[in-house]
N, C-alpha and C. Protein backbone atom coordinates (compact mmCIF):
# COMPACT_ATOMS: atom_id res chain seq x y z
N UNK A 1 7.59 8.55 17.28
CA UNK A 1 7.87 7.50 18.23
C UNK A 1 6.04 7.82 18.74
N UNK A 2 6.14 6.88 20.12
CA UNK A 2 4.96 6.95 20.78
C UNK A 2 5.23 5.88 21.60
N UNK A 3 4.57 6.42 23.04
CA UNK A 3 4.24 4.92 23.72
C UNK A 3 3.40 4.23 23.71
N UNK A 4 3.57 2.92 23.80
CA UNK A 4 2.72 1.72 23.57
C UNK A 4 1.59 1.59 24.45
N UNK A 5 1.86 2.06 25.63
CA UNK A 5 1.34 1.73 26.81
C UNK A 5 0.34 2.65 27.61
N UNK A 6 0.65 3.57 26.83
CA UNK A 6 0.05 5.33 27.40
C UNK A 6 -1.14 5.38 26.54
N UNK A 7 -2.31 5.88 27.15
CA UNK A 7 -3.46 6.76 26.28
C UNK A 7 -3.06 7.74 25.25
N UNK A 8 -3.26 7.62 23.92
CA UNK A 8 -2.72 8.74 23.50
C UNK A 8 -3.54 9.93 23.68
N UNK A 9 -4.50 10.02 24.01
CA UNK A 9 -5.73 10.82 24.29
C UNK A 9 -5.43 11.70 25.54
N UNK A 10 -4.89 11.16 26.65
CA UNK A 10 -4.22 11.84 27.81
C UNK A 10 -5.93 11.47 28.60
N UNK A 11 -6.58 10.22 28.77
CA UNK A 11 -7.48 10.64 29.25
C UNK A 11 -7.51 9.20 30.95
N UNK A 12 -6.00 8.89 30.76
CA UNK A 12 -5.76 7.79 31.96
C UNK A 12 -4.62 8.41 32.51
N UNK A 13 -4.01 8.17 33.70
CA UNK A 13 -3.29 8.78 34.35
C UNK A 13 -1.89 8.27 34.01
N UNK A 14 -1.85 7.07 33.35
CA UNK A 14 -0.41 6.35 32.83
C UNK A 14 0.09 6.74 31.36
N UNK A 15 -0.79 8.43 30.81
CA UNK A 15 -0.23 9.12 29.95
C UNK A 15 0.87 9.44 30.23
N UNK A 16 1.92 9.50 29.36
CA UNK A 16 3.23 9.60 29.12
C UNK A 16 3.55 9.47 27.40
N UNK A 17 4.65 11.13 27.28
CA UNK A 17 5.08 11.48 25.95
C UNK A 17 6.38 10.47 25.82
N UNK A 18 6.75 9.68 26.74
CA UNK A 18 8.20 8.99 26.51
C UNK A 18 7.69 8.41 25.38
N UNK A 19 9.01 8.12 24.88
CA UNK A 19 9.27 7.39 23.45
C UNK A 19 9.47 5.85 24.06
N UNK A 20 8.24 5.21 23.46
CA UNK A 20 8.85 3.57 23.58
C UNK A 20 9.02 2.91 22.24
N UNK A 21 8.31 3.77 21.57
CA UNK A 21 8.80 2.21 20.01
C UNK A 21 8.32 4.09 18.79
N UNK A 22 9.48 3.70 18.15
CA UNK A 22 9.52 4.70 16.84
C UNK A 22 8.91 3.68 15.71
N UNK A 23 8.01 4.43 15.05
CA UNK A 23 7.40 3.67 13.69
C UNK A 23 6.75 4.88 12.72
N UNK A 24 8.05 5.19 12.01
CA UNK A 24 7.83 6.52 10.68
C UNK A 24 8.16 6.54 9.77
N UNK A 25 7.70 6.87 8.81
CA UNK A 25 8.15 6.43 7.28
C UNK A 25 8.01 5.44 6.68
N UNK A 26 9.14 5.12 5.39
CA UNK A 26 9.33 3.74 4.92
C UNK A 26 9.87 2.51 6.19
N UNK A 27 9.78 1.48 6.23
CA UNK A 27 8.46 0.98 5.23
C UNK A 27 7.37 0.93 5.78
N UNK A 28 7.16 1.54 7.20
CA UNK A 28 5.91 1.62 7.36
C UNK A 28 4.85 2.84 6.74
N UNK A 29 4.90 3.14 6.27
CA UNK A 29 4.27 4.26 5.25
C UNK A 29 3.92 5.35 6.00
N UNK A 30 4.18 5.87 7.30
CA UNK A 30 3.48 6.69 7.95
C UNK A 30 4.29 7.88 7.34
N UNK A 31 3.59 8.83 7.48
CA UNK A 31 4.16 10.21 6.93
C UNK A 31 3.84 11.18 7.56
N UNK A 32 2.27 11.35 8.07
CA UNK A 32 2.04 12.74 8.72
C UNK A 32 1.17 12.06 9.78
N UNK A 33 1.38 11.22 10.99
CA UNK A 33 0.29 10.44 11.69
C UNK A 33 -0.55 11.71 12.11
N UNK A 34 -2.03 11.93 12.09
CA UNK A 34 -2.81 12.74 12.90
C UNK A 34 -3.23 12.33 14.23
N UNK A 35 -3.39 10.95 14.41
CA UNK A 35 -3.89 10.18 15.77
C UNK A 35 -3.81 9.05 15.88
N UNK A 36 -3.48 8.02 17.50
CA UNK A 36 -2.87 6.64 17.08
C UNK A 36 -4.09 6.26 18.05
N UNK A 37 -4.63 4.95 17.78
CA UNK A 37 -5.41 4.18 18.86
C UNK A 37 -4.78 2.75 18.67
N UNK A 38 -4.93 2.22 20.08
CA UNK A 38 -4.44 1.04 20.64
C UNK A 38 -5.75 0.01 20.90
N UNK A 39 -5.62 -1.10 20.52
CA UNK A 39 -6.50 -2.18 20.91
C UNK A 39 -5.53 -2.97 21.65
N UNK A 40 -5.76 -2.65 23.44
CA UNK A 40 -5.09 -3.47 24.35
C UNK A 40 -5.67 -4.88 24.70
N UNK A 41 -6.65 -5.14 24.25
CA UNK A 41 -6.92 -6.40 24.16
C UNK A 41 -7.06 -7.37 22.93
N UNK A 42 -6.38 -6.66 22.29
CA UNK A 42 -5.83 -7.26 20.64
C UNK A 42 -4.53 -7.01 20.28
N UNK A 43 -3.91 -7.38 19.33
CA UNK A 43 -2.61 -7.21 18.81
C UNK A 43 -2.43 -5.71 18.11
N UNK A 44 -3.43 -5.11 17.74
CA UNK A 44 -3.46 -4.07 16.67
C UNK A 44 -2.93 -2.47 17.30
N UNK A 45 -2.58 -2.04 16.24
CA UNK A 45 -2.11 -0.42 16.70
C UNK A 45 -2.86 0.10 15.48
N UNK A 46 -3.30 1.08 15.52
CA UNK A 46 -4.56 2.07 14.22
C UNK A 46 -3.92 3.53 14.28
N UNK A 47 -3.50 3.80 13.13
CA UNK A 47 -2.80 4.91 13.04
C UNK A 47 -3.43 5.57 12.00
N UNK A 48 -4.16 7.14 12.13
CA UNK A 48 -4.65 7.77 11.58
C UNK A 48 -3.72 8.88 10.85
N UNK A 49 -4.02 8.71 8.85
CA UNK A 49 -3.71 10.05 8.64
C UNK A 49 -4.41 10.40 7.47
N UNK A 50 -4.48 11.48 7.00
CA UNK A 50 -5.46 12.09 5.84
C UNK A 50 -5.83 11.09 4.64
N UNK A 51 -7.18 10.86 4.88
CA UNK A 51 -7.26 9.95 4.45
C UNK A 51 -6.72 8.08 3.95
N UNK A 52 -6.73 7.93 4.94
CA UNK A 52 -6.39 6.05 5.62
C UNK A 52 -5.99 6.10 6.53
N UNK A 53 -6.54 4.75 7.26
CA UNK A 53 -6.06 4.61 8.67
C UNK A 53 -4.75 3.10 8.59
N UNK A 54 -3.81 3.15 8.81
CA UNK A 54 -2.90 1.94 8.49
C UNK A 54 -2.91 1.27 9.80
N UNK A 55 -2.88 0.18 9.68
CA UNK A 55 -2.99 -0.95 10.71
C UNK A 55 -1.76 -1.37 11.38
N UNK A 56 -1.26 -1.90 12.61
CA UNK A 56 0.28 -2.54 12.64
C UNK A 56 -0.53 -3.40 13.37
N UNK A 57 0.25 -4.79 13.63
CA UNK A 57 0.53 -5.58 15.01
C UNK A 57 1.38 -4.38 15.61
N UNK A 58 0.75 -4.60 17.38
CA UNK A 58 1.73 -4.26 18.03
C UNK A 58 2.99 -4.97 18.32
N UNK A 59 3.29 -5.77 17.89
CA UNK A 59 4.79 -5.85 18.22
C UNK A 59 5.70 -5.86 17.39
N UNK A 60 5.54 -4.17 16.96
CA UNK A 60 6.18 -3.70 15.56
C UNK A 60 7.53 -3.26 16.33
N UNK A 61 8.39 -2.99 15.41
CA UNK A 61 9.48 -2.27 15.49
C UNK A 61 9.96 -1.31 14.36
N UNK A 62 10.62 -0.07 13.96
CA UNK A 62 10.95 0.69 13.41
C UNK A 62 10.96 0.58 11.69
N UNK A 63 11.13 -1.37 11.79
CA UNK A 63 11.28 -1.40 10.16
C UNK A 63 9.77 -2.41 9.97
N UNK A 64 8.96 -2.04 10.92
CA UNK A 64 7.36 -3.05 10.87
C UNK A 64 6.63 -2.30 9.54
N UNK A 65 6.27 -3.46 8.58
CA UNK A 65 5.38 -2.95 7.38
C UNK A 65 4.09 -3.13 8.47
N UNK A 66 2.66 -2.61 7.33
CA UNK A 66 1.37 -2.61 8.06
C UNK A 66 0.77 -3.43 7.45
N UNK A 67 -0.62 -4.11 8.10
CA UNK A 67 -0.82 -5.63 7.74
C UNK A 67 -1.97 -5.05 6.99
N UNK A 68 -2.25 -3.81 6.85
CA UNK A 68 -3.74 -3.43 6.65
C UNK A 68 -3.31 -1.73 6.21
N UNK A 69 -3.72 -1.30 4.72
CA UNK A 69 -3.96 0.16 4.46
C UNK A 69 -5.42 0.01 4.29
N UNK A 70 -6.02 0.84 5.11
CA UNK A 70 -7.73 1.30 4.88
C UNK A 70 -7.97 2.67 4.13
N UNK A 71 -8.04 2.77 3.10
CA UNK A 71 -8.05 4.04 2.26
C UNK A 71 -9.32 4.09 1.26
N UNK A 72 -10.22 3.03 1.64
CA UNK A 72 -11.68 3.76 0.53
C UNK A 72 -12.00 4.76 0.50
N UNK A 73 -11.55 6.06 -0.05
CA UNK A 73 -12.37 7.04 -0.03
C UNK A 73 -13.42 7.00 -0.25
N UNK A 74 -14.12 5.96 -0.16
CA UNK A 74 -16.15 6.01 -0.52
C UNK A 74 -16.40 5.94 1.12
N UNK A 75 -15.71 5.23 1.80
CA UNK A 75 -16.05 5.16 3.53
C UNK A 75 -14.97 5.98 4.45
N UNK A 76 -13.78 6.71 3.81
CA UNK A 76 -13.32 7.70 4.76
C UNK A 76 -13.57 9.04 3.89
N UNK A 77 -14.54 9.89 5.22
CA UNK A 77 -14.46 11.60 4.52
C UNK A 77 -12.98 12.18 5.08
N UNK A 78 -13.38 13.33 4.14
CA UNK A 78 -12.14 14.29 4.50
C UNK A 78 -12.05 15.12 5.94
N UNK A 79 -11.36 15.78 6.46
CA UNK A 79 -11.02 16.11 7.26
C UNK A 79 -11.24 15.55 8.60
N UNK A 80 -10.63 14.19 8.65
CA UNK A 80 -10.60 13.44 10.38
C UNK A 80 -9.45 13.85 10.81
N UNK A 81 -9.78 13.52 12.28
CA UNK A 81 -8.70 14.47 13.17
C UNK A 81 -8.40 13.47 14.30
N UNK A 82 -9.35 12.51 14.76
CA UNK A 82 -9.08 11.70 15.92
C UNK A 82 -9.58 10.23 15.50
N UNK A 83 -9.03 9.18 16.43
CA UNK A 83 -9.46 7.77 16.10
C UNK A 83 -9.04 6.96 17.41
N UNK A 84 -10.20 6.18 17.60
CA UNK A 84 -10.26 5.98 18.79
C UNK A 84 -10.97 4.32 18.78
N UNK A 85 -10.10 3.68 19.56
CA UNK A 85 -11.00 1.83 19.67
C UNK A 85 -11.90 1.78 20.81
N UNK A 86 -12.92 1.13 20.26
CA UNK A 86 -14.37 1.26 21.11
C UNK A 86 -14.38 -0.20 21.25
N UNK A 87 -13.74 -0.97 22.77
CA UNK A 87 -13.51 -2.56 23.24
C UNK A 87 -14.86 -2.72 23.09
N UNK A 88 -15.97 -2.45 23.58
CA UNK A 88 -17.48 -2.92 24.14
C UNK A 88 -18.20 -3.24 22.78
N UNK A 89 -17.55 -2.61 21.34
CA UNK A 89 -18.43 -2.93 20.03
C UNK A 89 -16.96 -3.56 19.03
N UNK A 90 -15.98 -3.47 19.41
CA UNK A 90 -15.07 -3.74 18.78
C UNK A 90 -15.08 -3.27 17.34
N UNK A 91 -14.68 -1.64 17.73
CA UNK A 91 -14.86 -1.09 16.10
C UNK A 91 -13.97 0.11 16.69
N UNK A 92 -13.59 0.77 15.64
CA UNK A 92 -12.42 2.06 15.47
C UNK A 92 -13.58 3.15 15.14
N UNK A 93 -13.62 3.97 15.61
CA UNK A 93 -14.27 5.81 15.48
C UNK A 93 -13.36 6.39 15.39
N UNK A 94 -13.66 7.15 14.40
CA UNK A 94 -12.91 8.12 13.97
C UNK A 94 -13.96 10.09 13.65
N UNK A 95 -13.54 10.75 14.11
CA UNK A 95 -13.75 12.30 14.43
C UNK A 95 -13.59 12.85 13.54
N UNK A 96 -14.45 13.60 12.74
CA UNK A 96 -14.01 14.93 11.90
C UNK A 96 -13.56 16.40 12.22
N UNK A 97 -13.52 17.49 11.55
CA UNK A 97 -13.56 18.37 12.18
C UNK A 97 -14.69 19.45 12.59
N UNK A 98 -15.88 18.75 12.33
CA UNK A 98 -17.33 19.24 12.82
C UNK A 98 -17.59 18.46 13.66
N UNK A 99 -17.35 17.08 14.42
CA UNK A 99 -17.35 16.50 15.54
C UNK A 99 -18.01 15.69 14.99
N UNK A 100 -17.92 15.05 14.01
CA UNK A 100 -19.48 13.80 13.36
C UNK A 100 -18.14 13.02 13.45
N UNK A 101 -18.97 11.44 14.63
CA UNK A 101 -18.50 10.38 14.43
C UNK A 101 -18.77 9.52 13.19
N UNK A 102 -17.37 8.78 12.69
CA UNK A 102 -17.92 7.50 11.88
C UNK A 102 -17.15 6.45 12.97
N UNK A 103 -18.33 4.98 12.44
CA UNK A 103 -17.79 3.59 13.25
C UNK A 103 -17.05 2.93 12.21
N UNK A 104 -16.28 1.95 11.99
CA UNK A 104 -15.88 0.95 11.49
C UNK A 104 -15.66 -0.07 12.17
N UNK A 105 -16.19 -1.56 11.14
CA UNK A 105 -16.41 -2.81 12.35
C UNK A 105 -15.10 -3.54 11.91
N UNK A 106 -14.94 -4.17 12.39
CA UNK A 106 -13.34 -4.87 12.71
C UNK A 106 -13.90 -6.38 12.70
N UNK A 107 -12.88 -7.26 12.09
CA UNK A 107 -13.19 -8.38 12.26
C UNK A 107 -12.42 -8.81 12.87
N UNK A 108 -12.63 -10.50 12.92
CA UNK A 108 -11.97 -11.15 14.46
C UNK A 108 -10.55 -11.15 14.57
N UNK A 109 -9.79 -10.55 13.16
CA UNK A 109 -8.67 -10.19 13.32
C UNK A 109 -8.14 -9.10 13.54
N UNK A 110 -9.09 -8.21 13.94
CA UNK A 110 -8.72 -6.75 14.16
C UNK A 110 -8.67 -5.48 13.21
N UNK A 111 -8.72 -6.34 11.87
CA UNK A 111 -8.59 -5.86 10.68
C UNK A 111 -10.16 -5.00 10.43
N UNK A 112 -10.22 -3.76 9.36
CA UNK A 112 -11.04 -2.73 9.33
C UNK A 112 -11.75 -3.44 8.21
N UNK A 113 -12.93 -4.05 8.13
CA UNK A 113 -14.22 -4.53 7.31
C UNK A 113 -14.56 -3.31 6.07
N UNK A 114 -15.80 -2.20 7.33
CA UNK A 114 -16.44 -1.11 6.46
C UNK A 114 -16.72 -0.45 7.54
N UNK A 115 -17.33 0.93 7.26
CA UNK A 115 -17.77 1.74 7.92
C UNK A 115 -19.37 1.11 8.06
N UNK A 116 -19.65 1.36 9.48
CA UNK A 116 -20.71 1.28 10.11
C UNK A 116 -22.06 1.93 9.78
N UNK A 117 -22.54 2.21 8.93
CA UNK A 117 -23.27 3.34 8.73
C UNK A 117 -24.94 3.22 9.29
């Protein structure tokens, strides 16, 4: 579970471990989440797992299904550890174990289009 309104990386004072939503396992498709990013200005929640980014609408419940599973192995390198939403550029950024940052462009609906090389 996670607190939908907390900063998962602990960067803001409202960071909380209080569980507000539970979303794991079937039908969500989340088995081993590595990190979470929330687009507070839009309706999306991004979950990073090894080899994929799973996108949900924020108005989820424990039976919610993803609206996108981005798992293009040509665009997702191995060893990703963190994910963040960059509202200034409307993109998702992920960082690997070597601190290399990869940027992913989003469409007007908040879905991942492609890696921004």
